[in-house]
Amino acid sequence: MSVVASPDPLLADRPATREDGRPWRKYRYPLFKQTFEELPDGRVLVVDDDGKRGLFHWNGPWIEGDITTVNLHMLVWTGGPDTPAEFHYRWTEVPIDINRPSGWPEEYDKFGHLIGQRTDA
């Protein structure tokens, strides 16, 4: 006899796609046997193979559930903001400008806050 898990109410209330029409992100983390699933408002649902679940904000804070600690990188990868297309580079192709304090070409400085670059220096 197989057991069929009931759908999580958090997933039942989620729209079919993200606002931009793309599918919700969902990843499996095999090391801890956990599945990470994106929810609206920057939340991430984490479910392990034993059925335990936890709800987190994408940047780490636990919200509710039995699972209280998870891999932060998986939370960011699953529920964090999308990387702007301007930063889709292979590491060998990243543009640099050695004459600027930030190291970025002038047209990329406006994205510094996305990578933690200080703007008050």
PDB file of N, CA and C in Angstrom:
ATOM      1  N   MET A   1       0.829  -1.167   0.000  1.00  0.00           N
ATOM      2  CA  MET A   1       0.000   0.000   0.000  1.00  0.00           C
ATOM      3  C   MET A   1       0.883   1.243   0.000  1.00  0.00           C
ATOM      4  N   SER A   2       0.624   2.173  -0.895  1.00  0.00           N
ATOM      5  CA  SER A   2       1.422   3.390  -0.951  1.00  0.00           C
ATOM      6  C   SER A   2       0.694   4.518  -0.231  1.00  0.00           C
ATOM      7  N   VAL A   3       1.486   5.360   0.375  1.00  0.00           N
ATOM      8  CA  VAL A   3       0.942   6.502   1.096  1.00  0.00           C
ATOM      9  C   VAL A   3       1.004   7.716   0.178  1.00  0.00           C
ATOM     10  N   VAL A   4      -0.101   8.406   0.047  1.00  0.00           N
ATOM     11  CA  VAL A   4      -0.149   9.608  -0.769  1.00  0.00           C
ATOM     12  C   VAL A   4      -0.215  10.799   0.170  1.00  0.00           C
ATOM     13  N   ALA A   5       0.797  11.665   0.073  1.00  0.00           N
ATOM     14  CA  ALA A   5       0.836  12.836   0.946  1.00  0.00           C
ATOM     15  C   ALA A   5      -0.206  13.853   0.502  1.00  0.00           C
ATOM     16  N   SER A   6      -0.844  14.458   1.477  1.00  0.00           N
ATOM     17  CA  SER A   6      -1.813  15.494   1.127  1.00  0.00           C
ATOM     18  C   SER A   6      -1.052  16.744   0.715  1.00  0.00           C
ATOM     19  N   PRO A   7      -1.579  17.503  -0.251  1.00  0.00           N
ATOM     20  CA  PRO A   7      -0.870  18.697  -0.688  1.00  0.00           C
ATOM     21  C   PRO A   7      -0.778  19.736   0.427  1.00  0.00           C
ATOM     22  N   ASP A   8       0.320  20.435   0.469  1.00  0.00           N
ATOM     23  CA  ASP A   8       0.516  21.457   1.487  1.00  0.00           C
ATOM     24  C   ASP A   8      -0.404  22.638   1.207  1.00  0.00           C
ATOM     25  N   PRO A   9      -1.114  23.150   2.212  1.00  0.00           N
ATOM     26  CA  PRO A   9      -2.021  24.280   1.987  1.00  0.00           C
ATOM     27  C   PRO A   9      -1.305  25.512   1.440  1.00  0.00           C
ATOM     28  N   LEU A  10      -0.019  25.679   1.776  1.00  0.00           N
ATOM     29  CA  LEU A  10       0.731  26.820   1.251  1.00  0.00           C
ATOM     30  C   LEU A  10       0.885  26.731  -0.265  1.00  0.00           C
ATOM     31  N   LEU A  11       1.008  25.514  -0.774  1.00  0.00           N
ATOM     32  CA  LEU A  11       1.147  25.330  -2.220  1.00  0.00           C
ATOM     33  C   LEU A  11      -0.203  25.415  -2.913  1.00  0.00           C
ATOM     34  N   ALA A  12      -1.252  25.030  -2.216  1.00  0.00           N
ATOM     35  CA  ALA A  12      -2.587  25.064  -2.813  1.00  0.00           C
ATOM     36  C   ALA A  12      -3.038  26.494  -3.087  1.00  0.00           C
ATOM     37  N   ASP A  13      -2.618  27.439  -2.248  1.00  0.00           N
ATOM     38  CA  ASP A  13      -3.013  28.840  -2.404  1.00  0.00           C
ATOM     39  C   ASP A  13      -2.110  29.622  -3.348  1.00  0.00           C
ATOM     40  N   ARG A  14      -1.042  29.013  -3.809  1.00  0.00           N
ATOM     41  CA  ARG A  14      -0.071  29.702  -4.663  1.00  0.00           C
ATOM     42  C   ARG A  14      -0.588  29.791  -6.094  1.00  0.00           C
ATOM     43  N   PRO A  15      -0.423  30.946  -6.760  1.00  0.00           N
ATOM     44  CA  PRO A  15      -0.814  31.033  -8.172  1.00  0.00           C
ATOM     45  C   PRO A  15      -0.050  30.004  -9.013  1.00  0.00           C
ATOM     46  N   ALA A  16      -0.548  29.699 -10.186  1.00  0.00           N
ATOM     47  CA  ALA A  16       0.063  28.676 -11.042  1.00  0.00           C
ATOM     48  C   ALA A  16       1.474  29.064 -11.481  1.00  0.00           C
ATOM     49  N   THR A  17       1.720  30.353 -11.707  1.00  0.00           N
ATOM     50  CA  THR A  17       3.045  30.817 -12.108  1.00  0.00           C
ATOM     51  C   THR A  17       3.387  32.097 -11.356  1.00  0.00           C
ATOM     52  N   ARG A  18       4.644  32.498 -11.458  1.00  0.00           N
ATOM     53  CA  ARG A  18       5.065  33.768 -10.887  1.00  0.00           C
ATOM     54  C   ARG A  18       4.417  34.904 -11.665  1.00  0.00           C
ATOM     55  N   GLU A  19       4.482  36.127 -11.133  1.00  0.00           N
ATOM     56  CA  GLU A  19       3.847  37.277 -11.785  1.00  0.00           C
ATOM     57  C   GLU A  19       4.341  37.492 -13.204  1.00  0.00           C
ATOM     58  N   ASP A  20       5.609  37.141 -13.458  1.00  0.00           N
ATOM     59  CA  ASP A  20       6.165  37.338 -14.799  1.00  0.00           C
ATOM     60  C   ASP A  20       5.887  36.150 -15.728  1.00  0.00           C
ATOM     61  N   GLY A  21       5.091  35.176 -15.261  1.00  0.00           N
ATOM     62  CA  GLY A  21       4.714  34.034 -16.091  1.00  0.00           C
ATOM     63  C   GLY A  21       5.663  32.846 -16.013  1.00  0.00           C
ATOM     64  N   ARG A  22       6.805  33.015 -15.342  1.00  0.00           N
ATOM     65  CA  ARG A  22       7.756  31.900 -15.222  1.00  0.00           C
ATOM     66  C   ARG A  22       7.299  30.944 -14.124  1.00  0.00           C
ATOM     67  N   PRO A  23       7.715  29.683 -14.220  1.00  0.00           N
ATOM     68  CA  PRO A  23       7.323  28.714 -13.188  1.00  0.00           C
ATOM     69  C   PRO A  23       8.014  29.007 -11.858  1.00  0.00           C
ATOM     70  N   TRP A  24       7.403  28.537 -10.779  1.00  0.00           N
ATOM     71  CA  TRP A  24       8.004  28.663  -9.448  1.00  0.00           C
ATOM     72  C   TRP A  24       9.251  27.794  -9.389  1.00  0.00           C
ATOM     73  N   ARG A  25      10.252  28.242  -8.651  1.00  0.00           N
ATOM     74  CA  ARG A  25      11.491  27.471  -8.512  1.00  0.00           C
ATOM     75  C   ARG A  25      11.299  26.371  -7.469  1.00  0.00           C
ATOM     76  N   LYS A  26      11.869  25.216  -7.779  1.00  0.00           N
ATOM     77  CA  LYS A  26      11.797  24.064  -6.869  1.00  0.00           C
ATOM     78  C   LYS A  26      13.083  23.269  -7.046  1.00  0.00           C
ATOM     79  N   TYR A  27      13.782  23.017  -5.932  1.00  0.00           N
ATOM     80  CA  TYR A  27      15.058  22.319  -5.986  1.00  0.00           C
ATOM     81  C   TYR A  27      15.115  21.233  -4.915  1.00  0.00           C
ATOM     82  N   ARG A  28      15.838  20.203  -5.222  1.00  0.00           N
ATOM     83  CA  ARG A  28      16.072  19.089  -4.296  1.00  0.00           C
ATOM     84  C   ARG A  28      17.491  19.204  -3.767  1.00  0.00           C
ATOM     85  N   TYR A  29      17.643  19.117  -2.449  1.00  0.00           N
ATOM     86  CA  TYR A  29      18.963  19.137  -1.812  1.00  0.00           C
ATOM     87  C   TYR A  29      19.230  17.733  -1.278  1.00  0.00           C
ATOM     88  N   PRO A  30      19.909  16.895  -2.064  1.00  0.00           N
ATOM     89  CA  PRO A  30      20.040  15.479  -1.704  1.00  0.00           C
ATOM     90  C   PRO A  30      20.858  15.215  -0.446  1.00  0.00           C
ATOM     91  N   LEU A  31      21.774  16.106  -0.091  1.00  0.00           N
ATOM     92  CA  LEU A  31      22.599  15.862   1.086  1.00  0.00           C
ATOM     93  C   LEU A  31      21.750  15.728   2.349  1.00  0.00           C
ATOM     94  N   PHE A  32      20.751  16.601   2.502  1.00  0.00           N
ATOM     95  CA  PHE A  32      19.861  16.545   3.662  1.00  0.00           C
ATOM     96  C   PHE A  32      18.483  16.000   3.318  1.00  0.00           C
ATOM     97  N   LYS A  33      18.324  15.527   2.086  1.00  0.00           N
ATOM     98  CA  LYS A  33      17.061  14.936   1.627  1.00  0.00           C
ATOM     99  C   LYS A  33      15.899  15.904   1.837  1.00  0.00           C
ATOM    100  N   GLN A  34      16.098  17.131   1.365  1.00  0.00           N
ATOM    101  CA  GLN A  34      15.083  18.174   1.507  1.00  0.00           C
ATOM    102  C   GLN A  34      14.726  18.749   0.135  1.00  0.00           C
ATOM    103  N   THR A  35      13.480  19.168   0.007  1.00  0.00           N
ATOM    104  CA  THR A  35      13.006  19.839  -1.193  1.00  0.00           C
ATOM    105  C   THR A  35      12.675  21.280  -0.827  1.00  0.00           C
ATOM    106  N   PHE A  36      13.174  22.213  -1.619  1.00  0.00           N
ATOM    107  CA  PHE A  36      12.959  23.639  -1.411  1.00  0.00           C
ATOM    108  C   PHE A  36      12.025  24.135  -2.507  1.00  0.00           C
ATOM    109  N   GLU A  37      10.953  24.793  -2.116  1.00  0.00           N
ATOM    110  CA  GLU A  37       9.955  25.236  -3.081  1.00  0.00           C
ATOM    111  C   GLU A  37       9.605  26.701  -2.842  1.00  0.00           C
ATOM    112  N   GLU A  38       9.695  27.483  -3.902  1.00  0.00           N
ATOM    113  CA  GLU A  38       9.435  28.917  -3.829  1.00  0.00           C
ATOM    114  C   GLU A  38       7.950  29.201  -3.627  1.00  0.00           C
ATOM    115  N   LEU A  39       7.679  30.180  -2.771  1.00  0.00           N
ATOM    116  CA  LEU A  39       6.318  30.664  -2.520  1.00  0.00           C
ATOM    117  C   LEU A  39       6.293  32.171  -2.758  1.00  0.00           C
ATOM    118  N   PRO A  40       5.112  32.769  -2.888  1.00  0.00           N
ATOM    119  CA  PRO A  40       5.050  34.224  -3.044  1.00  0.00           C
ATOM    120  C   PRO A  40       5.634  34.956  -1.831  1.00  0.00           C
ATOM    121  N   ASP A  41       5.917  36.214  -2.014  1.00  0.00           N
ATOM    122  CA  ASP A  41       6.386  37.106  -0.944  1.00  0.00           C
ATOM    123  C   ASP A  41       7.734  36.702  -0.358  1.00  0.00           C
ATOM    124  N   GLY A  42       8.592  36.066  -1.146  1.00  0.00           N
ATOM    125  CA  GLY A  42       9.933  35.736  -0.677  1.00  0.00           C
ATOM    126  C   GLY A  42      10.006  34.610   0.322  1.00  0.00           C
ATOM    127  N   ARG A  43       8.985  33.789   0.398  1.00  0.00           N
ATOM    128  CA  ARG A  43       8.998  32.659   1.321  1.00  0.00           C
ATOM    129  C   ARG A  43       9.431  31.384   0.597  1.00  0.00           C
ATOM    130  N   VAL A  44       9.995  30.451   1.361  1.00  0.00           N
ATOM    131  CA  VAL A  44      10.442  29.165   0.824  1.00  0.00           C
ATOM    132  C   VAL A  44       9.934  28.057   1.735  1.00  0.00           C
ATOM    133  N   LEU A  45       9.269  27.088   1.153  1.00  0.00           N
ATOM    134  CA  LEU A  45       8.800  25.913   1.888  1.00  0.00           C
ATOM    135  C   LEU A  45       9.844  24.812   1.754  1.00  0.00           C
ATOM    136  N   VAL A  46      10.261  24.247   2.883  1.00  0.00           N
ATOM    137  CA  VAL A  46      11.246  23.166   2.892  1.00  0.00           C
ATOM    138  C   VAL A  46      10.566  21.928   3.474  1.00  0.00           C
ATOM    139  N   VAL A  47      10.622  20.821   2.731  1.00  0.00           N
ATOM    140  CA  VAL A  47      10.012  19.564   3.171  1.00  0.00           C
ATOM    141  C   VAL A  47      11.067  18.473   3.062  1.00  0.00           C
ATOM    142  N   ASP A  48      11.219  17.665   4.132  1.00  0.00           N
ATOM    143  CA  ASP A  48      12.177  16.560   4.047  1.00  0.00           C
ATOM    144  C   ASP A  48      11.455  15.254   3.733  1.00  0.00           C
ATOM    145  N   ASP A  49      12.231  14.191   3.554  1.00  0.00           N
ATOM    146  CA  ASP A  49      11.664  12.899   3.167  1.00  0.00           C
ATOM    147  C   ASP A  49      10.774  12.290   4.242  1.00  0.00           C
ATOM    148  N   ASP A  50      10.893  12.741   5.486  1.00  0.00           N
ATOM    149  CA  ASP A  50      10.050  12.227   6.576  1.00  0.00           C
ATOM    150  C   ASP A  50       8.744  12.994   6.700  1.00  0.00           C
ATOM    151  N   GLY A  51       8.552  14.003   5.825  1.00  0.00           N
ATOM    152  CA  GLY A  51       7.318  14.789   5.870  1.00  0.00           C
ATOM    153  C   GLY A  51       7.388  16.012   6.762  1.00  0.00           C
ATOM    154  N   LYS A  52       8.520  16.213   7.443  1.00  0.00           N
ATOM    155  CA  LYS A  52       8.661  17.415   8.249  1.00  0.00           C
ATOM    156  C   LYS A  52       8.780  18.608   7.305  1.00  0.00           C
ATOM    157  N   ARG A  53       8.288  19.761   7.771  1.00  0.00           N
ATOM    158  CA  ARG A  53       8.322  20.941   6.921  1.00  0.00           C
ATOM    159  C   ARG A  53       8.743  22.160   7.721  1.00  0.00           C
ATOM    160  N   GLY A  54       9.205  23.140   7.007  1.00  0.00           N
ATOM    161  CA  GLY A  54       9.570  24.413   7.616  1.00  0.00           C
ATOM    162  C   GLY A  54       9.336  25.518   6.604  1.00  0.00           C
ATOM    163  N   LEU A  55       8.948  26.659   7.093  1.00  0.00           N
ATOM    164  CA  LEU A  55       8.716  27.806   6.236  1.00  0.00           C
ATOM    165  C   LEU A  55       9.730  28.876   6.620  1.00  0.00           C
ATOM    166  N   PHE A  56      10.420  29.416   5.612  1.00  0.00           N
ATOM    167  CA  PHE A  56      11.494  30.377   5.834  1.00  0.00           C
ATOM    168  C   PHE A  56      11.338  31.570   4.892  1.00  0.00           C
ATOM    169  N   HIS A  57      11.927  32.689   5.289  1.00  0.00           N
ATOM    170  CA  HIS A  57      12.072  33.802   4.366  1.00  0.00           C
ATOM    171  C   HIS A  57      13.328  33.494   3.554  1.00  0.00           C
ATOM    172  N   TRP A  58      13.398  33.963   2.310  1.00  0.00           N
ATOM    173  CA  TRP A  58      14.504  33.577   1.434  1.00  0.00           C
ATOM    174  C   TRP A  58      15.872  33.954   1.987  1.00  0.00           C
ATOM    175  N   ASN A  59      15.956  34.977   2.843  1.00  0.00           N
ATOM    176  CA  ASN A  59      17.268  35.373   3.360  1.00  0.00           C
ATOM    177  C   ASN A  59      17.601  34.748   4.713  1.00  0.00           C
ATOM    178  N   GLY A  60      16.821  33.749   5.146  1.00  0.00           N
ATOM    179  CA  GLY A  60      17.214  32.955   6.291  1.00  0.00           C
ATOM    180  C   GLY A  60      16.273  32.835   7.462  1.00  0.00           C
ATOM    181  N   PRO A  61      15.534  33.876   7.865  1.00  0.00           N
ATOM    182  CA  PRO A  61      14.713  33.731   9.076  1.00  0.00           C
ATOM    183  C   PRO A  61      13.661  32.626   8.977  1.00  0.00           C
ATOM    184  N   TRP A  62      13.596  31.829  10.032  1.00  0.00           N
ATOM    185  CA  TRP A  62      12.594  30.771  10.156  1.00  0.00           C
ATOM    186  C   TRP A  62      11.259  31.425  10.470  1.00  0.00           C
ATOM    187  N   ILE A  63      10.189  30.932   9.846  1.00  0.00           N
ATOM    188  CA  ILE A  63       8.849  31.467  10.077  1.00  0.00           C
ATOM    189  C   ILE A  63       8.019  30.497  10.904  1.00  0.00           C
ATOM    190  N   GLU A  64       7.955  29.226  10.465  1.00  0.00           N
ATOM    191  CA  GLU A  64       7.186  28.224  11.206  1.00  0.00           C
ATOM    192  C   GLU A  64       7.574  26.832  10.738  1.00  0.00           C
ATOM    193  N   GLY A  65       7.157  25.817  11.505  1.00  0.00           N
ATOM    194  CA  GLY A  65       7.344  24.427  11.110  1.00  0.00           C
ATOM    195  C   GLY A  65       8.347  23.672  11.957  1.00  0.00           C
ATOM    196  N   ASP A  66       8.435  22.354  11.679  1.00  0.00           N
ATOM    197  CA  ASP A  66       9.323  21.467  12.425  1.00  0.00           C
ATOM    198  C   ASP A  66      10.789  21.647  12.037  1.00  0.00           C
ATOM    199  N   ILE A  67      11.044  21.949  10.782  1.00  0.00           N
ATOM    200  CA  ILE A  67      12.420  22.174  10.333  1.00  0.00           C
ATOM    201  C   ILE A  67      12.767  23.622  10.662  1.00  0.00           C
ATOM    202  N   THR A  68      13.809  23.809  11.469  1.00  0.00           N
ATOM    203  CA  THR A  68      14.147  25.164  11.915  1.00  0.00           C
ATOM    204  C   THR A  68      15.485  25.665  11.378  1.00  0.00           C
ATOM    205  N   THR A  69      16.317  24.776  10.853  1.00  0.00           N
ATOM    206  CA  THR A  69      17.590  25.183  10.260  1.00  0.00           C
ATOM    207  C   THR A  69      17.755  24.492   8.920  1.00  0.00           C
ATOM    208  N   VAL A  70      18.208  25.248   7.929  1.00  0.00           N
ATOM    209  CA  VAL A  70      18.409  24.704   6.590  1.00  0.00           C
ATOM    210  C   VAL A  70      19.630  25.362   5.960  1.00  0.00           C
ATOM    211  N   ASN A  71      19.978  24.916   4.784  1.00  0.00           N
ATOM    212  CA  ASN A  71      21.082  25.479   4.026  1.00  0.00           C
ATOM    213  C   ASN A  71      20.679  26.855   3.493  1.00  0.00           C
ATOM    214  N   LEU A  72      21.350  27.900   3.960  1.00  0.00           N
ATOM    215  CA  LEU A  72      21.021  29.262   3.564  1.00  0.00           C
ATOM    216  C   LEU A  72      21.183  29.471   2.059  1.00  0.00           C
ATOM    217  N   HIS A  73      22.180  28.857   1.476  1.00  0.00           N
ATOM    218  CA  HIS A  73      22.394  29.011   0.037  1.00  0.00           C
ATOM    219  C   HIS A  73      21.202  28.481  -0.759  1.00  0.00           C
ATOM    220  N   MET A  74      20.612  27.404  -0.286  1.00  0.00           N
ATOM    221  CA  MET A  74      19.430  26.857  -0.977  1.00  0.00           C
ATOM    222  C   MET A  74      18.238  27.802  -0.837  1.00  0.00           C
ATOM    223  N   LEU A  75      18.105  28.457   0.304  1.00  0.00           N
ATOM    224  CA  LEU A  75      17.022  29.433   0.468  1.00  0.00           C
ATOM    225  C   LEU A  75      17.177  30.585  -0.508  1.00  0.00           C
ATOM    226  N   VAL A  76      18.389  31.120  -0.607  1.00  0.00           N
ATOM    227  CA  VAL A  76      18.646  32.239  -1.520  1.00  0.00           C
ATOM    228  C   VAL A  76      18.435  31.801  -2.963  1.00  0.00           C
ATOM    229  N   TRP A  77      18.941  30.642  -3.304  1.00  0.00           N
ATOM    230  CA  TRP A  77      18.826  30.121  -4.673  1.00  0.00           C
ATOM    231  C   TRP A  77      17.363  29.916  -5.051  1.00  0.00           C
ATOM    232  N   THR A  78      16.565  29.441  -4.106  1.00  0.00           N
ATOM    233  CA  THR A  78      15.170  29.116  -4.394  1.00  0.00           C
ATOM    234  C   THR A  78      14.260  30.333  -4.349  1.00  0.00           C
ATOM    235  N   GLY A  79      14.377  31.151  -3.324  1.00  0.00           N
ATOM    236  CA  GLY A  79      13.407  32.226  -3.149  1.00  0.00           C
ATOM    237  C   GLY A  79      13.940  33.631  -3.276  1.00  0.00           C
ATOM    238  N   GLY A  80      15.247  33.771  -3.461  1.00  0.00           N
ATOM    239  CA  GLY A  80      15.841  35.102  -3.531  1.00  0.00           C
ATOM    240  C   GLY A  80      15.539  35.824  -4.830  1.00  0.00           C
ATOM    241  N   PRO A  81      15.926  37.094  -4.885  1.00  0.00           N
ATOM    242  CA  PRO A  81      15.663  37.876  -6.099  1.00  0.00           C
ATOM    243  C   PRO A  81      16.430  37.313  -7.288  1.00  0.00           C
ATOM    244  N   ASP A  82      15.874  37.529  -8.465  1.00  0.00           N
ATOM    245  CA  ASP A  82      16.546  37.093  -9.685  1.00  0.00           C
ATOM    246  C   ASP A  82      17.764  37.963  -9.952  1.00  0.00           C
ATOM    247  N   THR A  83      18.795  37.361 -10.474  1.00  0.00           N
ATOM    248  CA  THR A  83      19.980  38.107 -10.858  1.00  0.00           C
ATOM    249  C   THR A  83      19.670  38.901 -12.118  1.00  0.00           C
ATOM    250  N   PRO A  84      19.975  40.204 -12.135  1.00  0.00           N
ATOM    251  CA  PRO A  84      19.722  40.973 -13.354  1.00  0.00           C
ATOM    252  C   PRO A  84      20.472  40.384 -14.551  1.00  0.00           C
ATOM    253  N   ALA A  85      19.877  40.469 -15.701  1.00  0.00           N
ATOM    254  CA  ALA A  85      20.484  39.898 -16.909  1.00  0.00           C
ATOM    255  C   ALA A  85      21.884  40.450 -17.157  1.00  0.00           C
ATOM    256  N   GLU A  86      22.143  41.678 -16.707  1.00  0.00           N
ATOM    257  CA  GLU A  86      23.463  42.283 -16.903  1.00  0.00           C
ATOM    258  C   GLU A  86      24.565  41.518 -16.186  1.00  0.00           C
ATOM    259  N   PHE A  87      24.210  40.688 -15.204  1.00  0.00           N
ATOM    260  CA  PHE A  87      25.201  39.929 -14.454  1.00  0.00           C
ATOM    261  C   PHE A  87      25.276  38.462 -14.876  1.00  0.00           C
ATOM    262  N   HIS A  88      24.679  38.101 -15.977  1.00  0.00           N
ATOM    263  CA  HIS A  88      24.752  36.723 -16.458  1.00  0.00           C
ATOM    264  C   HIS A  88      26.035  36.557 -17.277  1.00  0.00           C
ATOM    265  N   TYR A  89      27.136  36.292 -16.573  1.00  0.00           N
ATOM    266  CA  TYR A  89      28.447  36.127 -17.183  1.00  0.00           C
ATOM    267  C   TYR A  89      29.075  34.836 -16.706  1.00  0.00           C
ATOM    268  N   ARG A  90      29.936  34.296 -17.526  1.00  0.00           N
ATOM    269  CA  ARG A  90      30.858  33.276 -17.026  1.00  0.00           C
ATOM    270  C   ARG A  90      31.941  34.042 -16.268  1.00  0.00           C
ATOM    271  N   TRP A  91      32.551  33.421 -15.275  1.00  0.00           N
ATOM    272  CA  TRP A  91      33.500  34.149 -14.436  1.00  0.00           C
ATOM    273  C   TRP A  91      34.663  34.699 -15.241  1.00  0.00           C
ATOM    274  N   THR A  92      35.019  34.089 -16.360  1.00  0.00           N
ATOM    275  CA  THR A  92      36.139  34.584 -17.169  1.00  0.00           C
ATOM    276  C   THR A  92      35.737  35.774 -18.033  1.00  0.00           C
ATOM    277  N   GLU A  93      34.444  36.103 -18.083  1.00  0.00           N
ATOM    278  CA  GLU A  93      33.963  37.194 -18.933  1.00  0.00           C
ATOM    279  C   GLU A  93      33.469  38.397 -18.153  1.00  0.00           C
ATOM    280  N   VAL A  94      33.652  38.415 -16.845  1.00  0.00           N
ATOM    281  CA  VAL A  94      33.137  39.512 -16.032  1.00  0.00           C
ATOM    282  C   VAL A  94      33.864  40.798 -16.416  1.00  0.00           C
ATOM    283  N   PRO A  95      33.109  41.852 -16.740  1.00  0.00           N
ATOM    284  CA  PRO A  95      33.765  43.099 -17.134  1.00  0.00           C
ATOM    285  C   PRO A  95      34.379  43.804 -15.929  1.00  0.00           C
ATOM    286  N   ILE A  96      35.561  44.360 -16.110  1.00  0.00           N
ATOM    287  CA  ILE A  96      36.201  45.119 -15.032  1.00  0.00           C
ATOM    288  C   ILE A  96      36.749  46.431 -15.599  1.00  0.00           C
ATOM    289  N   ASP A  97      36.931  47.389 -14.721  1.00  0.00           N
ATOM    290  CA  ASP A  97      37.537  48.658 -15.073  1.00  0.00           C
ATOM    291  C   ASP A  97      38.503  48.989 -13.940  1.00  0.00           C
ATOM    292  N   ILE A  98      39.781  48.767 -14.152  1.00  0.00           N
ATOM    293  CA  ILE A  98      40.765  48.938 -13.077  1.00  0.00           C
ATOM    294  C   ILE A  98      40.956  50.397 -12.676  1.00  0.00           C
ATOM    295  N   ASN A  99      40.424  51.325 -13.453  1.00  0.00           N
ATOM    296  CA  ASN A  99      40.559  52.740 -13.131  1.00  0.00           C
ATOM    297  C   ASN A  99      39.412  53.271 -12.273  1.00  0.00           C
ATOM    298  N   ARG A 100      38.449  52.425 -11.925  1.00  0.00           N
ATOM    299  CA  ARG A 100      37.306  52.856 -11.105  1.00  0.00           C
ATOM    300  C   ARG A 100      37.408  52.203  -9.735  1.00  0.00           C
ATOM    301  N   PRO A 101      37.046  52.912  -8.652  1.00  0.00           N
ATOM    302  CA  PRO A 101      37.142  52.339  -7.297  1.00  0.00           C
ATOM    303  C   PRO A 101      36.342  51.043  -7.131  1.00  0.00           C
ATOM    304  N   SER A 102      35.192  50.954  -7.777  1.00  0.00           N
ATOM    305  CA  SER A 102      34.363  49.761  -7.610  1.00  0.00           C
ATOM    306  C   SER A 102      34.907  48.584  -8.405  1.00  0.00           C
ATOM    307  N   GLY A 103      35.674  48.873  -9.449  1.00  0.00           N
ATOM    308  CA  GLY A 103      36.151  47.807 -10.328  1.00  0.00           C
ATOM    309  C   GLY A 103      35.190  47.495 -11.464  1.00  0.00           C
ATOM    310  N   TRP A 104      33.975  48.024 -11.356  1.00  0.00           N
ATOM    311  CA  TRP A 104      32.961  47.787 -12.384  1.00  0.00           C
ATOM    312  C   TRP A 104      32.989  48.914 -13.412  1.00  0.00           C
ATOM    313  N   PRO A 105      32.683  48.605 -14.671  1.00  0.00           N
ATOM    314  CA  PRO A 105      32.473  49.687 -15.624  1.00  0.00           C
ATOM    315  C   PRO A 105      31.335  50.594 -15.147  1.00  0.00           C
ATOM    316  N   GLU A 106      31.364  51.854 -15.546  1.00  0.00           N
ATOM    317  CA  GLU A 106      30.407  52.843 -15.050  1.00  0.00           C
ATOM    318  C   GLU A 106      28.950  52.402 -15.195  1.00  0.00           C
ATOM    319  N   GLU A 107      28.595  51.768 -16.313  1.00  0.00           N
ATOM    320  CA  GLU A 107      27.202  51.371 -16.532  1.00  0.00           C
ATOM    321  C   GLU A 107      26.731  50.262 -15.593  1.00  0.00           C
ATOM    322  N   TYR A 108      27.669  49.587 -14.891  1.00  0.00           N
ATOM    323  CA  TYR A 108      27.291  48.525 -13.964  1.00  0.00           C
ATOM    324  C   TYR A 108      27.255  48.982 -12.503  1.00  0.00           C
ATOM    325  N   ASP A 109      27.771  50.174 -12.210  1.00  0.00           N
ATOM    326  CA  ASP A 109      27.779  50.662 -10.828  1.00  0.00           C
ATOM    327  C   ASP A 109      26.387  50.734 -10.223  1.00  0.00           C
ATOM    328  N   LYS A 110      25.373  50.979 -11.027  1.00  0.00           N
ATOM    329  CA  LYS A 110      24.014  51.091 -10.489  1.00  0.00           C
ATOM    330  C   LYS A 110      23.506  49.780  -9.898  1.00  0.00           C
ATOM    331  N   PHE A 111      24.201  48.663 -10.182  1.00  0.00           N
ATOM    332  CA  PHE A 111      23.793  47.360  -9.653  1.00  0.00           C
ATOM    333  C   PHE A 111      24.585  46.960  -8.405  1.00  0.00           C
ATOM    334  N   GLY A 112      25.480  47.834  -7.945  1.00  0.00           N
ATOM    335  CA  GLY A 112      26.347  47.491  -6.819  1.00  0.00           C
ATOM    336  C   GLY A 112      25.605  47.082  -5.567  1.00  0.00           C
ATOM    337  N   HIS A 113      24.451  47.706  -5.304  1.00  0.00           N
ATOM    338  CA  HIS A 113      23.701  47.361  -4.088  1.00  0.00           C
ATOM    339  C   HIS A 113      23.209  45.914  -4.114  1.00  0.00           C
ATOM    340  N   LEU A 114      23.075  45.327  -5.297  1.00  0.00           N
ATOM    341  CA  LEU A 114      22.597  43.939  -5.402  1.00  0.00           C
ATOM    342  C   LEU A 114      23.647  42.937  -4.947  1.00  0.00           C
ATOM    343  N   ILE A 115      24.903  43.337  -4.974  1.00  0.00           N
ATOM    344  CA  ILE A 115      25.975  42.418  -4.579  1.00  0.00           C
ATOM    345  C   ILE A 115      26.651  42.869  -3.293  1.00  0.00           C
ATOM    346  N   GLY A 116      26.022  43.817  -2.590  1.00  0.00           N
ATOM    347  CA  GLY A 116      26.545  44.250  -1.302  1.00  0.00           C
ATOM    348  C   GLY A 116      27.616  45.310  -1.380  1.00  0.00           C
ATOM    349  N   GLN A 117      27.770  45.937  -2.534  1.00  0.00           N
ATOM    350  CA  GLN A 117      28.775  46.972  -2.672  1.00  0.00           C
ATOM    351  C   GLN A 117      28.373  48.214  -1.895  1.00  0.00           C
ATOM    352  N   ARG A 118      29.287  48.767  -1.133  1.00  0.00           N
ATOM    353  CA  ARG A 118      29.006  49.984  -0.375  1.00  0.00           C
ATOM    354  C   ARG A 118      28.943  51.168  -1.332  1.00  0.00           C
ATOM    355  N   THR A 119      27.983  52.033  -1.106  1.00  0.00           N
ATOM    356  CA  THR A 119      27.860  53.217  -1.949  1.00  0.00           C
ATOM    357  C   THR A 119      28.259  54.488  -1.222  1.00  0.00           C
ATOM    358  N   ASP A 120      28.619  54.371   0.071  1.00  0.00           N
ATOM    359  CA  ASP A 120      28.979  55.556   0.844  1.00  0.00           C
ATOM    360  C   ASP A 120      30.489  55.775   0.918  1.00  0.00           C
ATOM    361  N   ALA A 121      31.253  54.914   0.273  1.00  0.00           N
ATOM    362  CA  ALA A 121      32.721  55.019   0.360  1.00  0.00           C
ATOM    363  C   ALA A 121      33.259  55.972  -0.685  1.00  0.00           C
TER     364      ALA A 121
END
